[in-house]
PDB file of N, CA and C in Angstrom:
ATOM      1  N   UNK A   1     159.547  88.598  74.652  1.00  0.00           N
ATOM      2  CA  UNK A   1     158.890  88.055  73.246  1.00  0.00           C
ATOM      3  C   UNK A   1     159.929  88.751  72.383  1.00  0.00           C
ATOM      4  N   UNK A   2     159.819  87.863  71.203  1.00  0.00           N
ATOM      5  CA  UNK A   2     160.830  88.424  69.929  1.00  0.00           C
ATOM      6  C   UNK A   2     160.007  89.326  69.609  1.00  0.00           C
ATOM      7  N   UNK A   3     161.007  90.067  68.338  1.00  0.00           N
ATOM      8  CA  UNK A   3     160.782  91.144  67.531  1.00  0.00           C
ATOM      9  C   UNK A   3     159.099  90.875  67.010  1.00  0.00           C
ATOM     10  N   UNK A   4     159.666  89.526  65.721  1.00  0.00           N
ATOM     11  CA  UNK A   4     158.434  89.473  65.384  1.00  0.00           C
ATOM     12  C   UNK A   4     156.716  89.159  66.113  1.00  0.00           C
ATOM     13  N   UNK A   5     157.241  88.122  67.391  1.00  0.00           N
ATOM     14  CA  UNK A   5     155.875  88.812  67.891  1.00  0.00           C
ATOM     15  C   UNK A   5     155.479  90.035  68.221  1.00  0.00           C
ATOM     16  N   UNK A   6     156.251  90.751  68.784  1.00  0.00           N
ATOM     17  CA  UNK A   6     156.125  92.023  68.781  1.00  0.00           C
ATOM     18  C   UNK A   6     155.083  92.513  67.843  1.00  0.00           C
ATOM     19  N   UNK A   7     155.773  92.584  66.860  1.00  0.00           N
ATOM     20  CA  UNK A   7     155.687  93.031  65.417  1.00  0.00           C
ATOM     21  C   UNK A   7     154.058  92.887  64.702  1.00  0.00           C
ATOM     22  N   UNK A   8     153.714  91.256  65.604  1.00  0.00           N
ATOM     23  CA  UNK A   8     152.545  90.616  64.694  1.00  0.00           C
ATOM     24  C   UNK A   8     151.249  91.266  65.964  1.00  0.00           C
ATOM     25  N   UNK A   9     151.383  91.614  67.456  1.00  0.00           N
ATOM     26  CA  UNK A   9     150.879  92.360  68.639  1.00  0.00           C
ATOM     27  C   UNK A   9     150.217  93.423  68.079  1.00  0.00           C
ATOM     28  N   UNK A  10     151.664  94.062  67.656  1.00  0.00           N
ATOM     29  CA  UNK A  10     151.110  95.457  67.299  1.00  0.00           C
ATOM     30  C   UNK A  10     150.113  95.841  65.629  1.00  0.00           C
ATOM     31  N   UNK A  11     150.341  94.768  64.913  1.00  0.00           N
ATOM     32  CA  UNK A  11     149.703  94.813  63.477  1.00  0.00           C
ATOM     33  C   UNK A  11     148.367  94.511  64.192  1.00  0.00           C
ATOM     34  N   UNK A  12     148.038  93.152  64.977  1.00  0.00           N
ATOM     35  CA  UNK A  12     146.624  93.104  65.171  1.00  0.00           C
ATOM     36  C   UNK A  12     146.040  94.170  65.825  1.00  0.00           C
ATOM     37  N   UNK A  13     146.689  94.575  66.970  1.00  0.00           N
ATOM     38  CA  UNK A  13     145.941  96.078  67.651  1.00  0.00           C
ATOM     39  C   UNK A  13     145.578  97.089  67.128  1.00  0.00           C
ATOM     40  N   UNK A  14     146.373  97.567  65.961  1.00  0.00           N
ATOM     41  CA  UNK A  14     146.366  98.869  64.976  1.00  0.00           C
ATOM     42  C   UNK A  14     145.187  98.102  63.809  1.00  0.00           C
ATOM     43  N   UNK A  15     145.297  97.022  63.211  1.00  0.00           N
ATOM     44  CA  UNK A  15     144.245  96.767  62.641  1.00  0.00           C
ATOM     45  C   UNK A  15     142.805  96.421  63.300  1.00  0.00           C
ATOM     46  N   UNK A  16     142.814  96.416  64.710  1.00  0.00           N
ATOM     47  CA  UNK A  16     141.645  96.051  65.116  1.00  0.00           C
ATOM     48  C   UNK A  16     140.705  97.020  64.760  1.00  0.00           C
ATOM     49  N   UNK A  17     140.621  98.585  65.098  1.00  0.00           N
ATOM     50  CA  UNK A  17     140.052  99.036  65.166  1.00  0.00           C
ATOM     51  C   UNK A  17     139.702  99.776  63.359  1.00  0.00           C
ATOM     52  N   UNK A  18     140.696  99.438  62.897  1.00  0.00           N
ATOM     53  CA  UNK A  18     140.198  99.608  61.120  1.00  0.00           C
ATOM     54  C   UNK A  18     139.429  98.886  60.791  1.00  0.00           C
ATOM     55  N   UNK A  19     139.581  97.464  61.295  1.00  0.00           N
ATOM     56  CA  UNK A  19     138.056  96.438  60.895  1.00  0.00           C
ATOM     57  C   UNK A  19     137.053  96.654  61.405  1.00  0.00           C
ATOM     58  N   UNK A  20     137.138  96.591  62.572  1.00  0.00           N
ATOM     59  CA  UNK A  20     135.590  96.952  63.119  1.00  0.00           C
ATOM     60  C   UNK A  20     134.874  98.392  62.637  1.00  0.00           C
ATOM     61  N   UNK A  21     135.776  99.643  62.362  1.00  0.00           N
ATOM     62  CA  UNK A  21     135.319 100.584  62.471  1.00  0.00           C
ATOM     63  C   UNK A  21     134.601 100.303  60.935  1.00  0.00           C
ATOM     64  N   UNK A  22     135.615 100.195  59.769  1.00  0.00           N
ATOM     65  CA  UNK A  22     134.860  99.544  58.622  1.00  0.00           C
ATOM     66  C   UNK A  22     133.313  98.760  58.296  1.00  0.00           C
ATOM     67  N   UNK A  23     134.140  97.575  59.001  1.00  0.00           N
ATOM     68  CA  UNK A  23     132.570  96.486  59.037  1.00  0.00           C
ATOM     69  C   UNK A  23     131.894  97.408  59.553  1.00  0.00           C
ATOM     70  N   UNK A  24     131.741  98.241  60.763  1.00  0.00           N
ATOM     71  CA  UNK A  24     130.291  99.080  61.081  1.00  0.00           C
ATOM     72  C   UNK A  24     129.716 100.073  60.185  1.00  0.00           C
ATOM     73  N   UNK A  25     130.673 100.800  59.433  1.00  0.00           N
ATOM     74  CA  UNK A  25     130.193 101.776  58.259  1.00  0.00           C
ATOM     75  C   UNK A  25     129.818 100.860  57.189  1.00  0.00           C
ATOM     76  N   UNK A  26     129.860  99.557  56.453  1.00  0.00           N
ATOM     77  CA  UNK A  26     129.349  98.908  55.645  1.00  0.00           C
ATOM     78  C   UNK A  26     128.103  98.439  56.424  1.00  0.00           C
ATOM     79  N   UNK A  27     128.510  97.947  57.146  1.00  0.00           N
ATOM     80  CA  UNK A  27     126.829  96.968  57.684  1.00  0.00           C
ATOM     81  C   UNK A  27     126.055  98.481  58.253  1.00  0.00           C
ATOM     82  N   UNK A  28     126.461  99.465  58.065  1.00  0.00           N
ATOM     83  CA  UNK A  28     125.180 100.668  58.678  1.00  0.00           C
ATOM     84  C   UNK A  28     125.015 101.768  57.916  1.00  0.00           C
ATOM     85  N   UNK A  29     125.338 101.486  56.418  1.00  0.00           N
ATOM     86  CA  UNK A  29     125.831 102.222  55.394  1.00  0.00           C
ATOM     87  C   UNK A  29     125.296 104.060  55.475  1.00  0.00           C
ATOM     88  N   UNK A  30     123.827 103.827  55.841  1.00  0.00           N
ATOM     89  CA  UNK A  30     122.702 104.520  55.582  1.00  0.00           C
ATOM     90  C   UNK A  30     123.349 105.704  56.593  1.00  0.00           C
ATOM     91  N   UNK A  31     123.221 105.152  57.951  1.00  0.00           N
ATOM     92  CA  UNK A  31     124.077 105.707  59.338  1.00  0.00           C
ATOM     93  C   UNK A  31     125.250 106.603  58.965  1.00  0.00           C
ATOM     94  N   UNK A  32     126.009 105.938  58.098  1.00  0.00           N
ATOM     95  CA  UNK A  32     127.113 106.496  57.718  1.00  0.00           C
ATOM     96  C   UNK A  32     127.098 107.624  56.871  1.00  0.00           C
ATOM     97  N   UNK A  33     126.432 107.042  55.764  1.00  0.00           N
ATOM     98  CA  UNK A  33     126.422 108.439  54.712  1.00  0.00           C
ATOM     99  C   UNK A  33     125.538 109.837  55.480  1.00  0.00           C
ATOM    100  N   UNK A  34     124.694 109.135  56.016  1.00  0.00           N
ATOM    101  CA  UNK A  34     124.058 110.670  56.851  1.00  0.00           C
ATOM    102  C   UNK A  34     124.996 111.025  57.936  1.00  0.00           C
ATOM    103  N   UNK A  35     125.916 110.756  58.383  1.00  0.00           N
ATOM    104  CA  UNK A  35     127.015 110.976  59.276  1.00  0.00           C
ATOM    105  C   UNK A  35     127.964 112.084  58.673  1.00  0.00           C
ATOM    106  N   UNK A  36     128.512 111.339  57.348  1.00  0.00           N
ATOM    107  CA  UNK A  36     128.907 111.706  55.981  1.00  0.00           C
ATOM    108  C   UNK A  36     128.908 113.506  55.595  1.00  0.00           C
ATOM    109  N   UNK A  37     127.415 112.980  55.361  1.00  0.00           N
ATOM    110  CA  UNK A  37     126.672 114.488  55.059  1.00  0.00           C
ATOM    111  C   UNK A  37     126.726 115.871  55.793  1.00  0.00           C
ATOM    112  N   UNK A  38     126.640 115.251  57.131  1.00  0.00           N
ATOM    113  CA  UNK A  38     126.449 116.325  58.044  1.00  0.00           C
ATOM    114  C   UNK A  38     127.496 116.898  58.310  1.00  0.00           C
ATOM    115  N   UNK A  39     128.802 116.666  57.665  1.00  0.00           N
ATOM    116  CA  UNK A  39     129.832 116.966  57.598  1.00  0.00           C
ATOM    117  C   UNK A  39     130.429 117.721  56.497  1.00  0.00           C
ATOM    118  N   UNK A  40     129.338 117.967  55.922  1.00  0.00           N
ATOM    119  CA  UNK A  40     129.607 118.503  54.166  1.00  0.00           C
ATOM    120  C   UNK A  40     130.532 117.851  53.125  1.00  0.00           C
ATOM    121  N   UNK A  41     130.707 116.196  53.362  1.00  0.00           N
ATOM    122  CA  UNK A  41     131.883 115.652  52.615  1.00  0.00           C
ATOM    123  C   UNK A  41     130.582 114.826  51.416  1.00  0.00           C
ATOM    124  N   UNK A  42     131.133 115.584  50.224  1.00  0.00           N
ATOM    125  CA  UNK A  42     130.210 115.397  48.467  1.00  0.00           C
ATOM    126  C   UNK A  42     129.997 113.519  48.536  1.00  0.00           C
ATOM    127  N   UNK A  43     129.094 113.620  48.041  1.00  0.00           N
ATOM    128  CA  UNK A  43     128.397 112.085  47.583  1.00  0.00           C
ATOM    129  C   UNK A  43     128.236 111.440  48.904  1.00  0.00           C
ATOM    130  N   UNK A  44     127.715 111.523  50.427  1.00  0.00           N
ATOM    131  CA  UNK A  44     128.482 111.002  51.052  1.00  0.00           C
ATOM    132  C   UNK A  44     127.840 109.330  51.027  1.00  0.00           C
ATOM    133  N   UNK A  45     127.148 108.815  50.190  1.00  0.00           N
ATOM    134  CA  UNK A  45     126.547 107.103  50.073  1.00  0.00           C
ATOM    135  C   UNK A  45     128.623 106.711  49.763  1.00  0.00           C
ATOM    136  N   UNK A  46     128.929 106.969  48.501  1.00  0.00           N
ATOM    137  CA  UNK A  46     129.436 107.134  47.862  1.00  0.00           C
ATOM    138  C   UNK A  46     130.809 106.839  48.981  1.00  0.00           C
ATOM    139  N   UNK A  47     130.981 108.038  49.075  1.00  0.00           N
ATOM    140  CA  UNK A  47     131.913 108.391  50.274  1.00  0.00           C
ATOM    141  C   UNK A  47     132.074 107.415  51.151  1.00  0.00           C
ATOM    142  N   UNK A  48     130.821 106.803  51.769  1.00  0.00           N
ATOM    143  CA  UNK A  48     131.047 106.069  52.824  1.00  0.00           C
ATOM    144  C   UNK A  48     131.462 104.301  52.334  1.00  0.00           C
ATOM    145  N   UNK A  49     130.648 104.221  51.552  1.00  0.00           N
ATOM    146  CA  UNK A  49     130.995 103.012  50.678  1.00  0.00           C
ATOM    147  C   UNK A  49     132.872 102.408  50.838  1.00  0.00           C
ATOM    148  N   UNK A  50     133.037 103.754  49.889  1.00  0.00           N
ATOM    149  CA  UNK A  50     134.615 103.550  49.608  1.00  0.00           C
ATOM    150  C   UNK A  50     135.911 103.850  50.927  1.00  0.00           C
ATOM    151  N   UNK A  51     135.414 104.694  52.162  1.00  0.00           N
ATOM    152  CA  UNK A  51     135.820 104.953  53.697  1.00  0.00           C
ATOM    153  C   UNK A  51     135.799 103.255  54.383  1.00  0.00           C
ATOM    154  N   UNK A  52     134.455 102.729  54.289  1.00  0.00           N
ATOM    155  CA  UNK A  52     134.320 101.907  54.780  1.00  0.00           C
ATOM    156  C   UNK A  52     135.134 100.432  54.057  1.00  0.00           C
ATOM    157  N   UNK A  53     134.976 100.259  52.736  1.00  0.00           N
ATOM    158  CA  UNK A  53     136.385  99.141  52.225  1.00  0.00           C
ATOM    159  C   UNK A  53     137.729 100.175  52.567  1.00  0.00           C
ATOM    160  N   UNK A  54     138.260 100.953  52.501  1.00  0.00           N
ATOM    161  CA  UNK A  54     139.567 101.306  52.429  1.00  0.00           C
ATOM    162  C   UNK A  54     139.935 100.769  54.214  1.00  0.00           C
ATOM    163  N   UNK A  55     138.936 100.904  55.322  1.00  0.00           N
ATOM    164  CA  UNK A  55     138.905 100.637  56.789  1.00  0.00           C
ATOM    165  C   UNK A  55     138.828  98.982  56.716  1.00  0.00           C
ATOM    166  N   UNK A  56     138.229  98.657  56.245  1.00  0.00           N
ATOM    167  CA  UNK A  56     138.306  97.203  56.310  1.00  0.00           C
ATOM    168  C   UNK A  56     139.333  96.381  55.747  1.00  0.00           C
ATOM    169  N   UNK A  57     139.454  96.305  54.358  1.00  0.00           N
ATOM    170  CA  UNK A  57     140.360  95.822  53.424  1.00  0.00           C
ATOM    171  C   UNK A  57     141.961  96.468  54.066  1.00  0.00           C
ATOM    172  N   UNK A  58     142.232  97.754  54.571  1.00  0.00           N
ATOM    173  CA  UNK A  58     143.315  98.331  54.728  1.00  0.00           C
ATOM    174  C   UNK A  58     143.663  97.132  55.896  1.00  0.00           C
ATOM    175  N   UNK A  59     142.844  97.188  56.563  1.00  0.00           N
ATOM    176  CA  UNK A  59     143.146  96.897  58.617  1.00  0.00           C
ATOM    177  C   UNK A  59     143.295  94.867  58.275  1.00  0.00           C
ATOM    178  N   UNK A  60     142.440  94.732  57.380  1.00  0.00           N
ATOM    179  CA  UNK A  60     143.089  93.314  56.590  1.00  0.00           C
ATOM    180  C   UNK A  60     144.329  93.327  56.589  1.00  0.00           C
ATOM    181  N   UNK A  61     144.513  93.623  55.409  1.00  0.00           N
ATOM    182  CA  UNK A  61     145.955  93.391  55.169  1.00  0.00           C
ATOM    183  C   UNK A  61     147.068  93.860  56.320  1.00  0.00           C
ATOM    184  N   UNK A  62     147.007  95.075  56.860  1.00  0.00           N
ATOM    185  CA  UNK A  62     148.159  94.737  57.949  1.00  0.00           C
ATOM    186  C   UNK A  62     147.426  93.942  59.056  1.00  0.00           C
ATOM    187  N   UNK A  63     146.539  92.511  59.360  1.00  0.00           N
ATOM    188  CA  UNK A  63     146.751  92.075  60.179  1.00  0.00           C
ATOM    189  C   UNK A  63     147.706  91.044  59.563  1.00  0.00           C
ATOM    190  N   UNK A  64     147.089  90.578  58.170  1.00  0.00           N
ATOM    191  CA  UNK A  64     147.869  89.235  58.137  1.00  0.00           C
ATOM    192  C   UNK A  64     149.026  89.787  57.186  1.00  0.00           C
ATOM    193  N   UNK A  65     149.427  91.013  57.150  1.00  0.00           N
ATOM    194  CA  UNK A  65     150.715  91.414  57.280  1.00  0.00           C
ATOM    195  C   UNK A  65     151.232  90.943  55.408  1.00  0.00           C
ATOM    196  N   UNK A  66     149.696  91.578  54.270  1.00  0.00           N
ATOM    197  CA  UNK A  66     150.190  91.892  53.126  1.00  0.00           C
ATOM    198  C   UNK A  66     150.080  92.805  52.706  1.00  0.00           C
ATOM    199  N   UNK A  67     151.786  93.381  51.655  1.00  0.00           N
ATOM    200  CA  UNK A  67     151.637  94.473  51.327  1.00  0.00           C
ATOM    201  C   UNK A  67     151.197  95.657  52.415  1.00  0.00           C
ATOM    202  N   UNK A  68     152.144  95.370  53.458  1.00  0.00           N
ATOM    203  CA  UNK A  68     152.096  95.737  54.945  1.00  0.00           C
ATOM    204  C   UNK A  68     152.366  97.272  54.565  1.00  0.00           C
ATOM    205  N   UNK A  69     153.430  97.688  53.880  1.00  0.00           N
ATOM    206  CA  UNK A  69     153.987  99.080  53.930  1.00  0.00           C
ATOM    207  C   UNK A  69     152.929  99.781  53.235  1.00  0.00           C
ATOM    208  N   UNK A  70     152.931  99.045  52.383  1.00  0.00           N
ATOM    209  CA  UNK A  70     150.980 100.138  51.501  1.00  0.00           C
ATOM    210  C   UNK A  70     150.359 100.264  52.173  1.00  0.00           C
ATOM    211  N   UNK A  71     149.631  99.272  52.883  1.00  0.00           N
ATOM    212  CA  UNK A  71     148.620  99.193  53.611  1.00  0.00           C
ATOM    213  C   UNK A  71     148.537 100.073  54.426  1.00  0.00           C
ATOM    214  N   UNK A  72     149.764 100.115  55.283  1.00  0.00           N
ATOM    215  CA  UNK A  72     150.384 101.359  56.282  1.00  0.00           C
ATOM    216  C   UNK A  72     149.981 102.616  55.942  1.00  0.00           C
ATOM    217  N   UNK A  73     150.540 102.680  54.551  1.00  0.00           N
ATOM    218  CA  UNK A  73     150.557 103.886  54.035  1.00  0.00           C
ATOM    219  C   UNK A  73     149.378 104.703  53.925  1.00  0.00           C
ATOM    220  N   UNK A  74     148.403 103.794  52.999  1.00  0.00           N
ATOM    221  CA  UNK A  74     147.138 104.520  52.669  1.00  0.00           C
ATOM    222  C   UNK A  74     146.619 104.840  53.864  1.00  0.00           C
ATOM    223  N   UNK A  75     146.429 103.700  55.295  1.00  0.00           N
ATOM    224  CA  UNK A  75     146.004 103.726  56.459  1.00  0.00           C
ATOM    225  C   UNK A  75     146.227 105.385  57.087  1.00  0.00           C
ATOM    226  N   UNK A  76     147.823 105.661  56.923  1.00  0.00           N
ATOM    227  CA  UNK A  76     148.078 106.419  57.260  1.00  0.00           C
ATOM    228  C   UNK A  76     147.517 108.112  56.720  1.00  0.00           C
ATOM    229  N   UNK A  77     147.443 107.841  55.514  1.00  0.00           N
ATOM    230  CA  UNK A  77     147.244 109.361  54.889  1.00  0.00           C
ATOM    231  C   UNK A  77     145.636 109.234  54.886  1.00  0.00           C
ATOM    232  N   UNK A  78     144.579 108.297  55.074  1.00  0.00           N
ATOM    233  CA  UNK A  78     143.521 108.298  55.409  1.00  0.00           C
ATOM    234  C   UNK A  78     142.923 108.666  56.808  1.00  0.00           C
ATOM    235  N   UNK A  79     143.576 108.033  57.758  1.00  0.00           N
ATOM    236  CA  UNK A  79     143.478 108.501  59.488  1.00  0.00           C
ATOM    237  C   UNK A  79     143.682 110.453  59.340  1.00  0.00           C
ATOM    238  N   UNK A  80     144.839 110.343  58.941  1.00  0.00           N
ATOM    239  CA  UNK A  80     145.203 111.807  59.056  1.00  0.00           C
ATOM    240  C   UNK A  80     143.791 112.779  57.922  1.00  0.00           C
ATOM    241  N   UNK A  81     143.555 112.687  57.168  1.00  0.00           N
ATOM    242  CA  UNK A  81     142.310 113.121  56.820  1.00  0.00           C
ATOM    243  C   UNK A  81     141.062 113.130  57.280  1.00  0.00           C
ATOM    244  N   UNK A  82     140.539 111.824  58.168  1.00  0.00           N
ATOM    245  CA  UNK A  82     139.871 112.150  58.604  1.00  0.00           C
ATOM    246  C   UNK A  82     140.284 112.676  59.872  1.00  0.00           C
ATOM    247  N   UNK A  83     141.027 112.667  60.503  1.00  0.00           N
ATOM    248  CA  UNK A  83     141.032 113.727  61.526  1.00  0.00           C
ATOM    249  C   UNK A  83     141.506 115.102  60.911  1.00  0.00           C
ATOM    250  N   UNK A  84     141.596 115.830  60.015  1.00  0.00           N
ATOM    251  CA  UNK A  84     142.051 116.606  59.701  1.00  0.00           C
ATOM    252  C   UNK A  84     140.431 117.336  58.962  1.00  0.00           C
ATOM    253  N   UNK A  85     139.319 116.549  58.785  1.00  0.00           N
ATOM    254  CA  UNK A  85     138.190 116.564  58.363  1.00  0.00           C
ATOM    255  C   UNK A  85     137.073 116.493  59.778  1.00  0.00           C
ATOM    256  N   UNK A  86     137.597 116.002  60.973  1.00  0.00           N
ATOM    257  CA  UNK A  86     136.442 115.609  61.920  1.00  0.00           C
ATOM    258  C   UNK A  86     137.020 115.976  63.121  1.00  0.00           C
ATOM    259  N   UNK A  87     138.174 116.438  63.287  1.00  0.00           N
ATOM    260  CA  UNK A  87     138.345 116.461  64.651  1.00  0.00           C
ATOM    261  C   UNK A  87     139.748 117.235  64.982  1.00  0.00           C
ATOM    262  N   UNK A  88     139.569 118.544  64.589  1.00  0.00           N
ATOM    263  CA  UNK A  88     140.370 119.546  64.989  1.00  0.00           C
ATOM    264  C   UNK A  88     139.054 120.782  65.622  1.00  0.00           C
ATOM    265  N   UNK A  89     138.308 120.364  66.657  1.00  0.00           N
ATOM    266  CA  UNK A  89     137.020 121.508  67.434  1.00  0.00           C
ATOM    267  C   UNK A  89     138.411 120.970  68.655  1.00  0.00           C
ATOM    268  N   UNK A  90     139.291 122.099  68.984  1.00  0.00           N
ATOM    269  CA  UNK A  90     139.675 122.166  70.387  1.00  0.00           C
ATOM    270  C   UNK A  90     139.413 122.494  71.515  1.00  0.00           C
ATOM    271  N   UNK A  91     137.607 123.346  70.953  1.00  0.00           N
ATOM    272  CA  UNK A  91     137.106 123.590  72.584  1.00  0.00           C
ATOM    273  C   UNK A  91     136.607 122.081  72.741  1.00  0.00           C
ATOM    274  N   UNK A  92     136.555 120.598  72.528  1.00  0.00           N
ATOM    275  CA  UNK A  92     135.615 119.689  72.544  1.00  0.00           C
ATOM    276  C   UNK A  92     136.758 118.961  72.817  1.00  0.00           C
ATOM    277  N   UNK A  93     137.059 118.569  74.327  1.00  0.00           N
ATOM    278  CA  UNK A  93     137.755 117.599  74.252  1.00  0.00           C
ATOM    279  C   UNK A  93     137.820 116.658  74.191  1.00  0.00           C
ATOM    280  N   UNK A  94     136.495 115.462  73.732  1.00  0.00           N
ATOM    281  CA  UNK A  94     136.307 114.244  72.910  1.00  0.00           C
ATOM    282  C   UNK A  94     137.470 114.636  71.802  1.00  0.00           C
ATOM    283  N   UNK A  95     137.404 115.764  71.132  1.00  0.00           N
ATOM    284  CA  UNK A  95     137.576 115.831  69.588  1.00  0.00           C
ATOM    285  C   UNK A  95     139.116 116.159  69.886  1.00  0.00           C
ATOM    286  N   UNK A  96     139.601 116.755  71.084  1.00  0.00           N
ATOM    287  CA  UNK A  96     141.102 116.706  70.885  1.00  0.00           C
ATOM    288  C   UNK A  96     141.537 115.343  71.689  1.00  0.00           C
ATOM    289  N   UNK A  97     140.667 114.676  71.948  1.00  0.00           N
ATOM    290  CA  UNK A  97     141.255 113.435  72.319  1.00  0.00           C
ATOM    291  C   UNK A  97     141.456 112.378  71.175  1.00  0.00           C
ATOM    292  N   UNK A  98     140.280 111.947  70.262  1.00  0.00           N
ATOM    293  CA  UNK A  98     140.393 111.649  69.378  1.00  0.00           C
ATOM    294  C   UNK A  98     141.777 112.178  68.062  1.00  0.00           C
ATOM    295  N   UNK A  99     141.768 113.188  67.979  1.00  0.00           N
ATOM    296  CA  UNK A  99     142.907 113.989  67.573  1.00  0.00           C
ATOM    297  C   UNK A  99     144.453 113.457  68.156  1.00  0.00           C
ATOM    298  N   UNK A 100     144.376 112.915  69.249  1.00  0.00           N
ATOM    299  CA  UNK A 100     145.834 112.461  69.833  1.00  0.00           C
ATOM    300  C   UNK A 100     145.506 111.183  69.178  1.00  0.00           C
ATOM    301  N   UNK A 101     144.361 110.490  69.744  1.00  0.00           N
ATOM    302  CA  UNK A 101     144.557 109.448  69.420  1.00  0.00           C
ATOM    303  C   UNK A 101     144.748 108.826  67.842  1.00  0.00           C
ATOM    304  N   UNK A 102     144.534 109.509  67.076  1.00  0.00           N
ATOM    305  CA  UNK A 102     144.564 109.286  65.565  1.00  0.00           C
ATOM    306  C   UNK A 102     146.541 109.722  65.535  1.00  0.00           C
ATOM    307  N   UNK A 103     146.915 110.564  65.643  1.00  0.00           N
ATOM    308  CA  UNK A 103     148.393 110.973  65.536  1.00  0.00           C
ATOM    309  C   UNK A 103     149.117 109.597  66.111  1.00  0.00           C
ATOM    310  N   UNK A 104     148.368 109.478  67.101  1.00  0.00           N
ATOM    311  CA  UNK A 104     149.283 108.056  67.847  1.00  0.00           C
ATOM    312  C   UNK A 104     149.136 106.643  66.674  1.00  0.00           C
ATOM    313  N   UNK A 105     148.140 106.851  66.547  1.00  0.00           N
ATOM    314  CA  UNK A 105     147.813 105.753  65.001  1.00  0.00           C
ATOM    315  C   UNK A 105     148.713 106.002  64.093  1.00  0.00           C
ATOM    316  N   UNK A 106     148.909 107.262  63.609  1.00  0.00           N
ATOM    317  CA  UNK A 106     149.528 107.577  62.167  1.00  0.00           C
ATOM    318  C   UNK A 106     150.847 107.730  62.638  1.00  0.00           C
ATOM    319  N   UNK A 107     151.705 107.495  63.978  1.00  0.00           N
ATOM    320  CA  UNK A 107     152.609 107.079  64.330  1.00  0.00           C
ATOM    321  C   UNK A 107     153.274 105.255  63.919  1.00  0.00           C
ATOM    322  N   UNK A 108     152.617 104.608  64.587  1.00  0.00           N
ATOM    323  CA  UNK A 108     152.042 103.328  64.439  1.00  0.00           C
ATOM    324  C   UNK A 108     152.181 102.770  62.678  1.00  0.00           C
ATOM    325  N   UNK A 109     151.323 103.724  62.112  1.00  0.00           N
ATOM    326  CA  UNK A 109     151.781 103.164  60.757  1.00  0.00           C
ATOM    327  C   UNK A 109     152.741 103.544  60.316  1.00  0.00           C
ATOM    328  N   UNK A 110     153.690 104.888  60.991  1.00  0.00           N
ATOM    329  CA  UNK A 110     155.265 105.054  60.338  1.00  0.00           C
ATOM    330  C   UNK A 110     156.047 104.091  60.580  1.00  0.00           C
ATOM    331  N   UNK A 111     155.961 103.642  61.737  1.00  0.00           N
ATOM    332  CA  UNK A 111     156.780 102.093  62.707  1.00  0.00           C
ATOM    333  C   UNK A 111     156.659 100.981  61.479  1.00  0.00           C
ATOM    334  N   UNK A 112     155.111 100.589  60.346  1.00  0.00           N
ATOM    335  CA  UNK A 112     154.945  99.457  60.468  1.00  0.00           C
ATOM    336  C   UNK A 112     156.171  99.724  58.530  1.00  0.00           C
ATOM    337  N   UNK A 113     155.479 100.824  58.228  1.00  0.00           N
ATOM    338  CA  UNK A 113     156.334 101.300  56.833  1.00  0.00           C
ATOM    339  C   UNK A 113     157.878 101.268  56.776  1.00  0.00           C
ATOM    340  N   UNK A 114     158.344 101.805  58.036  1.00  0.00           N
ATOM    341  CA  UNK A 114     159.531 102.018  58.144  1.00  0.00           C
ATOM    342  C   UNK A 114     160.270 100.399  58.384  1.00  0.00           C
ATOM    343  N   UNK A 115     159.478  99.549  59.070  1.00  0.00           N
ATOM    344  CA  UNK A 115     160.292  98.126  59.761  1.00  0.00           C
ATOM    345  C   UNK A 115     158.691  97.196  58.818  1.00  0.00           C
ATOM    346  N   UNK A 116     158.539  97.305  58.098  1.00  0.00           N
ATOM    347  CA  UNK A 116     157.630  96.087  57.484  1.00  0.00           C
ATOM    348  C   UNK A 116     156.837  95.517  58.749  1.00  0.00           C
ATOM    349  N   UNK A 117     156.164  94.421  58.514  1.00  0.00           N
ATOM    350  CA  UNK A 117     155.670  93.687  58.781  1.00  0.00           C
ATOM    351  C   UNK A 117     156.083  92.569  59.792  1.00  0.00           C
ATOM    352  N   UNK A 118     157.443  92.242  59.808  1.00  0.00           N
ATOM    353  CA  UNK A 118     158.467  91.165  60.199  1.00  0.00           C
ATOM    354  C   UNK A 118     157.951  89.829  60.115  1.00  0.00           C
ATOM    355  N   UNK A 119     158.200  89.270  60.537  1.00  0.00           N
ATOM    356  CA  UNK A 119     158.620  87.622  59.884  1.00  0.00           C
ATOM    357  C   UNK A 119     157.267  86.769  59.855  1.00  0.00           C
ATOM    358  N   UNK A 120     156.298  86.993  61.023  1.00  0.00           N
ATOM    359  CA  UNK A 120     155.015  86.437  60.933  1.00  0.00           C
ATOM    360  C   UNK A 120     154.205  87.261  60.695  1.00  0.00           C
ATOM    361  N   UNK A 121     154.253  87.374  59.103  1.00  0.00           N
ATOM    362  CA  UNK A 121     153.602  87.751  57.807  1.00  0.00           C
ATOM    363  C   UNK A 121     153.316  87.372  57.053  1.00  0.00           C
ATOM    364  N   UNK A 122     152.231  87.609  55.354  1.00  0.00           N
ATOM    365  CA  UNK A 122     152.530  86.808  54.593  1.00  0.00           C
ATOM    366  C   UNK A 122     153.320  87.551  53.800  1.00  0.00           C
ATOM    367  N   UNK A 123     153.918  88.782  53.896  1.00  0.00           N
ATOM    368  CA  UNK A 123     155.262  89.464  53.339  1.00  0.00           C
ATOM    369  C   UNK A 123     156.182  88.680  52.775  1.00  0.00           C
ATOM    370  N   UNK A 124     156.524  88.063  54.476  1.00  0.00           N
ATOM    371  CA  UNK A 124     157.638  87.500  54.473  1.00  0.00           C
ATOM    372  C   UNK A 124     157.442  85.729  53.617  1.00  0.00           C
ATOM    373  N   UNK A 125     156.363  85.325  53.993  1.00  0.00           N
ATOM    374  CA  UNK A 125     156.140  83.892  53.099  1.00  0.00           C
ATOM    375  C   UNK A 125     156.261  84.048  51.598  1.00  0.00           C
ATOM    376  N   UNK A 126     155.581  85.808  51.029  1.00  0.00           N
ATOM    377  CA  UNK A 126     155.765  85.367  50.183  1.00  0.00           C
ATOM    378  C   UNK A 126     157.372  85.700  49.201  1.00  0.00           C
ATOM    379  N   UNK A 127     157.797  86.201  49.866  1.00  0.00           N
ATOM    380  CA  UNK A 127     159.083  86.324  49.614  1.00  0.00           C
ATOM    381  C   UNK A 127     160.478  85.744  49.414  1.00  0.00           C
TER     382      UNK A 127
END
């Protein structure tokens, strides 16, 4: 498999979690806001909408390879923030697993930042 195809596959796999999560948050905004409120996040309704949009739009940008380095940077920072807010309970094995998963996702985004989206992307078509 070519490097371009591998980059495309990698973008599809990493984008999927953000597209589905963002869509889920936006279609259940009340539940998302309630969860955010329970975490002490300020303005939970506005925060829920913003987080859902960041995940959905950022995931779609990575998927199609549009402004990939910027989208990957935003989603890496978002993932780090989410980890620091919600996944630092080291006494809960599920939270440790979520922390490690998020670190792996950040690693994937750092790879996209370093290497770009590859030739099978809108970034390449635009240049």
